[in-house]
C-alpha atoms as a PDB file:
ATOM      1  CA  MET A   1       0.179  -0.271   0.057  1.00  0.00           C
ATOM      2  CA  ALA A   2       2.946   2.329   0.842  1.00  0.00           C
ATOM      3  CA  LEU A   3       4.258   1.686  -2.693  1.00  0.00           C
ATOM      4  CA  ALA A   4       0.872   2.752  -3.928  1.00  0.00           C
ATOM      5  CA  PHE A   5       0.744   5.753  -2.480  1.00  0.00           C
ATOM      6  CA  PHE A   6       3.984   6.948  -3.600  1.00  0.00           C
ATOM      7  CA  ILE A   7       3.049   5.625  -6.962  1.00  0.00           C
ATOM      8  CA  GLY A   8       0.107   8.089  -6.832  1.00  0.00           C
ATOM      9  CA  LEU A   9       2.151  11.141  -5.589  1.00  0.00           C
ATOM     10  CA  ILE A  10       4.752  10.757  -8.498  1.00  0.00           C
ATOM     11  CA  LEU A  11       1.895  10.344 -10.904  1.00  0.00           C
ATOM     12  CA  SER A  12      -0.015  13.355  -9.934  1.00  0.00           C
ATOM     13  CA  ALA A  13       3.476  15.309  -9.580  1.00  0.00           C
ATOM     14  CA  ILE A  14       3.766  14.843 -13.343  1.00  0.00           C
ATOM     15  CA  TYR A  15       0.643  15.304 -14.194  1.00  0.00           C
ATOM     16  CA  LYS A  16       0.576  19.138 -12.681  1.00  0.00           C
ATOM     17  CA  ILE A  17       4.076  19.677 -14.334  1.00  0.00           C
ATOM     18  CA  THR A  18       2.615  18.185 -17.325  1.00  0.00           C
ATOM     19  CA  HIS A  19      -0.453  19.430 -18.109  1.00  0.00           C
ATOM     20  CA  LYS A  20      -1.428  22.557 -20.089  1.00  0.00           C
ATOM     21  CA  GLY A  21      -4.656  24.508 -20.746  1.00  0.00           C
ATOM     22  CA  LEU A  22      -7.611  25.917 -18.347  1.00  0.00           C
ATOM     23  CA  SER A  23      -9.237  22.722 -17.032  1.00  0.00           C
ATOM     24  CA  TYR A  24      -6.830  22.105 -13.863  1.00  0.00           C
ATOM     25  CA  SER A  25      -8.354  20.526 -11.228  1.00  0.00           C
ATOM     26  CA  GLN A  26      -6.720  19.829  -8.062  1.00  0.00           C
ATOM     27  CA  SER A  27      -9.215  17.764  -7.200  1.00  0.00           C
ATOM     28  CA  PHE A  28      -8.502  15.422 -10.675  1.00  0.00           C
ATOM     29  CA  MET A  29      -4.686  15.427  -8.894  1.00  0.00           C
ATOM     30  CA  LEU A  30      -6.111  13.684  -5.567  1.00  0.00           C
ATOM     31  CA  THR A  31      -8.189  11.402  -7.210  1.00  0.00           C
ATOM     32  CA  ILE A  32      -4.941  10.174  -8.616  1.00  0.00           C
ATOM     33  CA  VAL A  33      -3.569   9.343  -5.644  1.00  0.00           C
ATOM     34  CA  PHE A  34      -6.794   7.984  -4.211  1.00  0.00           C
ATOM     35  CA  VAL A  35      -7.347   5.482  -6.766  1.00  0.00           C
ATOM     36  CA  THR A  36      -3.891   4.071  -6.846  1.00  0.00           C
ATOM     37  CA  PHE A  37      -4.234   3.686  -3.405  1.00  0.00           C
ATOM     38  CA  ILE A  38      -7.679   1.988  -3.246  1.00  0.00           C
ATOM     39  CA  VAL A  39      -6.997  -0.192  -5.986  1.00  0.00           C
ATOM     40  CA  SER A  40      -4.064  -1.422  -4.243  1.00  0.00           C
ATOM     41  CA  ILE A  41      -6.066  -2.291  -1.342  1.00  0.00           C
ATOM     42  CA  VAL A  42      -9.090  -3.389  -3.483  1.00  0.00           C
ATOM     43  CA  ILE A  43      -6.898  -5.936  -4.883  1.00  0.00           C
ATOM     44  CA  MET A  44      -5.453  -7.151  -1.483  1.00  0.00           C
ATOM     45  CA  VAL A  45      -9.143  -7.173  -0.612  1.00  0.00           C
ATOM     46  CA  ILE A  46      -9.831  -9.616  -3.647  1.00  0.00           C
ATOM     47  CA  GLY A  47      -6.736 -11.859  -3.512  1.00  0.00           C
ATOM     48  CA  ASN A  48      -7.358 -15.016  -5.546  1.00  0.00           C
ATOM     49  CA  ASN A  49     -11.163 -15.259  -4.326  1.00  0.00           C
ATOM     50  CA  LEU A  50     -13.702 -15.000  -7.204  1.00  0.00           C
ATOM     51  CA  ALA A  51     -16.776 -14.060  -5.105  1.00  0.00           C
ATOM     52  CA  ARG A  52     -15.132 -11.102  -3.376  1.00  0.00           C
ATOM     53  CA  ALA A  53     -14.310 -10.162  -7.130  1.00  0.00           C
ATOM     54  CA  PHE A  54     -18.122 -10.172  -8.389  1.00  0.00           C
ATOM     55  CA  ALA A  55     -19.712  -8.810  -5.104  1.00  0.00           C
ATOM     56  CA  LEU A  56     -17.083  -6.022  -5.697  1.00  0.00           C
ATOM     57  CA  VAL A  57     -18.128  -5.074  -9.627  1.00  0.00           C
ATOM     58  CA  GLY A  58     -21.631  -5.653  -7.749  1.00  0.00           C
ATOM     59  CA  ALA A  59     -21.093  -2.910  -5.945  1.00  0.00           C
ATOM     60  CA  LEU A  60     -19.169  -0.687  -8.021  1.00  0.00           C
ATOM     61  CA  SER A  61     -22.453  -1.264 -10.372  1.00  0.00           C
ATOM     62  CA  ILE A  62     -24.386   0.765  -7.799  1.00  0.00           C
ATOM     63  CA  ILE A  63     -22.224   3.909  -8.018  1.00  0.00           C
ATOM     64  CA  ARG A  64     -23.409   6.608 -10.699  1.00  0.00           C
ATOM     65  CA  PHE A  65     -20.013   8.282 -11.931  1.00  0.00           C
ATOM     66  CA  ARG A  66     -21.267  11.933 -13.096  1.00  0.00           C
ATOM     67  CA  THR A  67     -17.745  13.427 -13.230  1.00  0.00           C
ATOM     68  CA  VAL A  68     -16.613  14.207 -17.269  1.00  0.00           C
ATOM     69  CA  ILE A  69     -13.210  14.377 -17.935  1.00  0.00           C
ATOM     70  CA  LYS A  70     -12.633  17.145 -20.015  1.00  0.00           C
ATOM     71  CA  ASP A  71      -8.768  16.261 -20.998  1.00  0.00           C
ATOM     72  CA  THR A  72      -8.843  12.718 -22.776  1.00  0.00           C
ATOM     73  CA  LYS A  73      -5.009  12.982 -21.460  1.00  0.00           C
ATOM     74  CA  ASP A  74      -6.062  12.810 -18.068  1.00  0.00           C
ATOM     75  CA  THR A  75      -7.890   9.339 -19.065  1.00  0.00           C
ATOM     76  CA  ALA A  76      -4.202   7.712 -18.969  1.00  0.00           C
ATOM     77  CA  TYR A  77      -3.122   8.875 -15.443  1.00  0.00           C
ATOM     78  CA  ILE A  78      -6.143   7.455 -14.055  1.00  0.00           C
ATOM     79  CA  PHE A  79      -5.565   4.166 -15.837  1.00  0.00           C
ATOM     80  CA  MET A  80      -1.632   4.182 -15.265  1.00  0.00           C
ATOM     81  CA  GLY A  81      -3.121   4.577 -11.166  1.00  0.00           C
ATOM     82  CA  LEU A  82      -5.033   1.771 -11.681  1.00  0.00           C
ATOM     83  CA  ALA A  83      -2.194  -0.630 -13.417  1.00  0.00           C
ATOM     84  CA  GLY A  84       0.099   0.721 -10.276  1.00  0.00           C
ATOM     85  CA  GLY A  85      -2.380   0.164  -7.688  1.00  0.00           C
ATOM     86  CA  MET A  86      -3.218  -3.313  -9.001  1.00  0.00           C
ATOM     87  CA  ALA A  87       0.729  -4.152  -9.406  1.00  0.00           C
ATOM     88  CA  ALA A  88       1.722  -3.454  -5.985  1.00  0.00           C
ATOM     89  CA  GLY A  89      -1.591  -4.664  -4.433  1.00  0.00           C
ATOM     90  CA  THR A  90      -0.543  -8.115  -6.477  1.00  0.00           C
ATOM     91  CA  SER A  91       3.286  -7.774  -4.749  1.00  0.00           C
ATOM     92  CA  SER A  92       4.442  -7.263  -8.255  1.00  0.00           C
ATOM     93  CA  TYR A  93       7.323  -4.531  -6.801  1.00  0.00           C
ATOM     94  CA  PHE A  94       9.448  -4.551  -9.564  1.00  0.00           C
ATOM     95  CA  LEU A  95       6.310  -4.213 -12.285  1.00  0.00           C
ATOM     96  CA  ALA A  96       4.984  -1.317 -10.205  1.00  0.00           C
ATOM     97  CA  VAL A  97       7.744   0.375 -10.272  1.00  0.00           C
ATOM     98  CA  SER A  98       9.626  -0.238 -13.667  1.00  0.00           C
ATOM     99  CA  GLY A  99       5.925   0.631 -15.164  1.00  0.00           C
ATOM    100  CA  THR A 100       5.330   3.426 -13.480  1.00  0.00           C
ATOM    101  CA  ILE A 101       8.921   5.162 -14.226  1.00  0.00           C
ATOM    102  CA  LEU A 102       8.280   4.661 -18.341  1.00  0.00           C
ATOM    103  CA  PHE A 103       5.269   5.741 -18.245  1.00  0.00           C
ATOM    104  CA  LEU A 104       6.454   8.911 -16.734  1.00  0.00           C
ATOM    105  CA  CYS A 105       9.717   9.257 -19.352  1.00  0.00           C
ATOM    106  CA  VAL A 106       7.114   8.644 -22.087  1.00  0.00           C
ATOM    107  CA  ALA A 107       4.623  11.689 -20.725  1.00  0.00           C
ATOM    108  CA  TYR A 108       7.505  13.941 -19.705  1.00  0.00           C
ATOM    109  CA  ALA A 109       9.211  13.740 -23.078  1.00  0.00           C
ATOM    110  CA  LEU A 110       5.830  14.127 -25.216  1.00  0.00           C
ATOM    111  CA  PHE A 111       5.814  17.240 -22.806  1.00  0.00           C
ATOM    112  CA  LEU A 112       8.953  18.738 -23.480  1.00  0.00           C
ATOM    113  CA  THR A 113       8.420  18.284 -27.156  1.00  0.00           C
ATOM    114  CA  ASN A 114       5.143  19.529 -27.335  1.00  0.00           C
ATOM    115  CA  TYR A 115       4.037  16.581 -29.725  1.00  0.00           C
ATOM    116  CA  GLY A 116       1.226  16.706 -31.570  1.00  0.00           C
ATOM    117  CA  ALA A 117       0.956  20.525 -30.986  1.00  0.00           C
ATOM    118  CA  PHE A 118       0.460  22.805 -34.265  1.00  0.00           C
ATOM    119  CA  TYR A 119       1.496  25.768 -32.105  1.00  0.00           C
ATOM    120  CA  LYS A 120       2.306  26.353 -28.567  1.00  0.00           C
ATOM    121  CA  SER A 121      -0.575  28.877 -27.572  1.00  0.00           C
ATOM    122  CA  GLU A 122      -0.090  31.619 -25.017  1.00  0.00           C
ATOM    123  CA  PHE A 123      -3.239  33.429 -24.063  1.00  0.00           C
ATOM    124  CA  ILE A 124      -6.757  33.654 -24.062  1.00  0.00           C
ATOM    125  CA  LEU A 125      -8.196  36.573 -24.888  1.00  0.00           C
ATOM    126  CA  SER A 126     -11.584  37.752 -24.530  1.00  0.00           C
ATOM    127  CA  PHE A 127     -13.453  41.027 -25.398  1.00  0.00           C
ATOM    128  CA  ARG A 128     -17.064  42.658 -25.602  1.00  0.00           C
ATOM    129  CA  VAL A 129     -17.817  44.803 -28.705  1.00  0.00           C
ATOM    130  CA  ILE A 130     -20.809  46.431 -29.884  1.00  0.00           C
ATOM    131  CA  THR A 131     -22.453  44.279 -32.958  1.00  0.00           C
ATOM    132  CA  GLY A 132     -22.093  47.249 -35.442  1.00  0.00           C
ATOM    133  CA  LEU A 133     -18.802  47.902 -34.989  1.00  0.00           C
ATOM    134  CA  ASP A 134     -15.829  47.714 -38.173  1.00  0.00           C
ATOM    135  CA  GLU A 135     -14.075  44.634 -37.065  1.00  0.00           C
ATOM    136  CA  PRO A 136     -10.329  46.332 -38.782  1.00  0.00           C
ATOM    137  CA  LYS A 137     -10.563  48.456 -35.657  1.00  0.00           C
ATOM    138  CA  TYR A 138     -10.034  45.635 -33.271  1.00  0.00           C
ATOM    139  CA  SER A 139      -8.304  43.115 -36.286  1.00  0.00           C
ATOM    140  CA  TYR A 140      -5.347  45.575 -36.813  1.00  0.00           C
ATOM    141  CA  ILE A 141      -4.737  45.456 -32.995  1.00  0.00           C
ATOM    142  CA  LEU A 142      -4.564  41.379 -33.240  1.00  0.00           C
ATOM    143  CA  LYS A 143      -2.546  41.286 -36.404  1.00  0.00           C
ATOM    144  CA  GLU A 144      -0.092  44.350 -35.005  1.00  0.00           C
ATOM    145  CA  PHE A 145       0.864  42.200 -31.424  1.00  0.00           C
ATOM    146  CA  SER A 146      -0.137  38.665 -32.419  1.00  0.00           C
ATOM    147  CA  ARG A 147       1.570  35.854 -34.403  1.00  0.00           C
ATOM    148  CA  VAL A 148      -1.437  33.727 -34.056  1.00  0.00           C
ATOM    149  CA  SER A 149      -4.987  34.591 -33.716  1.00  0.00           C
ATOM    150  CA  ASN A 150      -7.643  32.102 -33.886  1.00  0.00           C
ATOM    151  CA  LEU A 151     -11.342  33.314 -32.932  1.00  0.00           C
ATOM    152  CA  LEU A 152     -12.673  30.315 -30.653  1.00  0.00           C
ATOM    153  CA  HIS A 153     -16.423  31.601 -29.313  1.00  0.00           C
ATOM    154  CA  VAL A 154     -18.708  34.190 -30.408  1.00  0.00           C
ATOM    155  CA  GLU A 155     -21.726  34.895 -27.665  1.00  0.00           C
ATOM    156  CA  THR A 156     -24.459  37.514 -28.568  1.00  0.00           C
ATOM    157  CA  SER A 157     -26.414  39.275 -26.265  1.00  0.00           C
ATOM    158  CA  ALA A 158     -29.985  39.031 -25.801  1.00  0.00           C
ATOM    159  CA  ASP A 159     -30.900  42.040 -27.902  1.00  0.00           C
ATOM    160  CA  ASN A 160     -27.844  41.472 -30.177  1.00  0.00           C
ATOM    161  CA  SER A 161     -26.639  44.969 -29.557  1.00  0.00           C
ATOM    162  CA  THR A 162     -23.029  43.105 -28.459  1.00  0.00           C
ATOM    163  CA  ALA A 163     -21.157  40.263 -28.962  1.00  0.00           C
ATOM    164  CA  LYS A 164     -18.200  38.319 -26.902  1.00  0.00           C
ATOM    165  CA  LEU A 165     -15.593  37.067 -28.558  1.00  0.00           C
ATOM    166  CA  THR A 166     -13.197  34.818 -27.355  1.00  0.00           C
ATOM    167  CA  TYR A 167      -9.584  34.145 -29.023  1.00  0.00           C
ATOM    168  CA  ASP A 168      -6.676  31.629 -28.768  1.00  0.00           C
ATOM    169  CA  ILE A 169      -3.245  34.205 -29.071  1.00  0.00           C
ATOM    170  CA  VAL A 170       0.059  33.737 -29.454  1.00  0.00           C
ATOM    171  CA  LEU A 171       1.798  36.976 -29.071  1.00  0.00           C
ATOM    172  CA  LYS A 172       4.937  38.178 -31.119  1.00  0.00           C
ATOM    173  CA  LYS A 173       8.490  38.070 -29.299  1.00  0.00           C
ATOM    174  CA  ASN A 174       8.879  41.638 -27.425  1.00  0.00           C
ATOM    175  CA  ARG A 175       5.447  42.406 -27.125  1.00  0.00           C
ATOM    176  CA  SER A 176       4.056  43.383 -23.729  1.00  0.00           C
ATOM    177  CA  PRO A 177       0.307  41.510 -22.882  1.00  0.00           C
ATOM    178  CA  ARG A 178      -0.500  44.158 -20.924  1.00  0.00           C
ATOM    179  CA  ASP A 179       0.160  46.881 -23.912  1.00  0.00           C
ATOM    180  CA  PHE A 180      -2.059  44.142 -26.182  1.00  0.00           C
ATOM    181  CA  ALA A 181      -4.997  44.167 -23.843  1.00  0.00           C
ATOM    182  CA  LYS A 182      -4.500  48.438 -22.920  1.00  0.00           C
ATOM    183  CA  ASN A 183      -4.372  48.533 -27.275  1.00  0.00           C
ATOM    184  CA  ILE A 184      -7.559  46.566 -26.956  1.00  0.00           C
ATOM    185  CA  GLY A 185      -9.597  48.441 -24.711  1.00  0.00           C
ATOM    186  CA  SER A 186      -8.574  51.405 -26.075  1.00  0.00           C
ATOM    187  CA  ILE A 187     -11.074  51.070 -28.899  1.00  0.00           C
ATOM    188  CA  ASP A 188     -14.101  52.669 -28.551  1.00  0.00           C
ATOM    189  CA  GLY A 189     -17.001  50.220 -28.395  1.00  0.00           C
ATOM    190  CA  VAL A 190     -14.894  47.688 -27.265  1.00  0.00           C
ATOM    191  CA  SER A 191     -15.187  46.713 -23.329  1.00  0.00           C
ATOM    192  CA  GLU A 192     -14.776  43.819 -21.001  1.00  0.00           C
ATOM    193  CA  VAL A 193     -11.257  42.739 -21.593  1.00  0.00           C
ATOM    194  CA  VAL A 194      -9.933  39.631 -20.401  1.00  0.00           C
ATOM    195  CA  LEU A 195      -6.243  38.251 -21.032  1.00  0.00           C
ATOM    196  CA  VAL A 196      -5.623  35.404 -19.705  1.00  0.00           C
ATOM    197  CA  ALA A 197      -2.425  33.099 -19.851  1.00  0.00           C
ATOM    198  CA  SER A 198      -3.928  29.776 -21.220  1.00  0.00           C
ATOM    199  CA  LYS A 199      -0.817  27.737 -19.148  1.00  0.00           C
ATOM    200  CA  THR A 200      -2.192  29.545 -15.637  1.00  0.00           C
ATOM    201  CA  ASP A 201      -3.604  26.843 -13.819  1.00  0.00           C
ATOM    202  CA  ILE A 202      -7.271  27.648 -12.349  1.00  0.00           C
ATOM    203  CA  ASP A 203      -9.233  25.109 -10.486  1.00  0.00           C
ATOM    204  CA  TYR A 204     -13.237  25.312 -10.757  1.00  0.00           C
END
């Protein structure tokens, strides 16, 4: 059980380091540790007893899981926690340690190389504009300050007088986020400017 707990701590620590985006949750980190530890206990309880195994399946079927995993990568950490807990619970200590180390090396290597990404996102920009406002007024600022600006979401008000725009932004080198937000906010008809670093850990 001690080994399973240690594996859970290491997994959660690497998950925190390699996590990107806005969907970070502290409760998910705790879940990784809990699942790894609990599975080791479950495996020890079951042992070679088939009846206990079926009883456990029946008990779990009663529980309704409503939590939606926002990032598909999070599932990999859950499964690794299960695998590490099962290995530790069945006294396969070498497999538990070697498997965890190998998984962490792969996860960290993929994180360092930014594998699978087209570009590295930096900021999420949102602001509200008057519906009749000419687009070039803020488009010019976007082009001047950003290397990449992708429109992610448009939300209009109930009376269609204003619209809230959300962009994925990668700033050009030597461009200040503060100056960028200030220039966007200085445009007539633009309000509620919010610029958030996409790598910031946000728990919600």
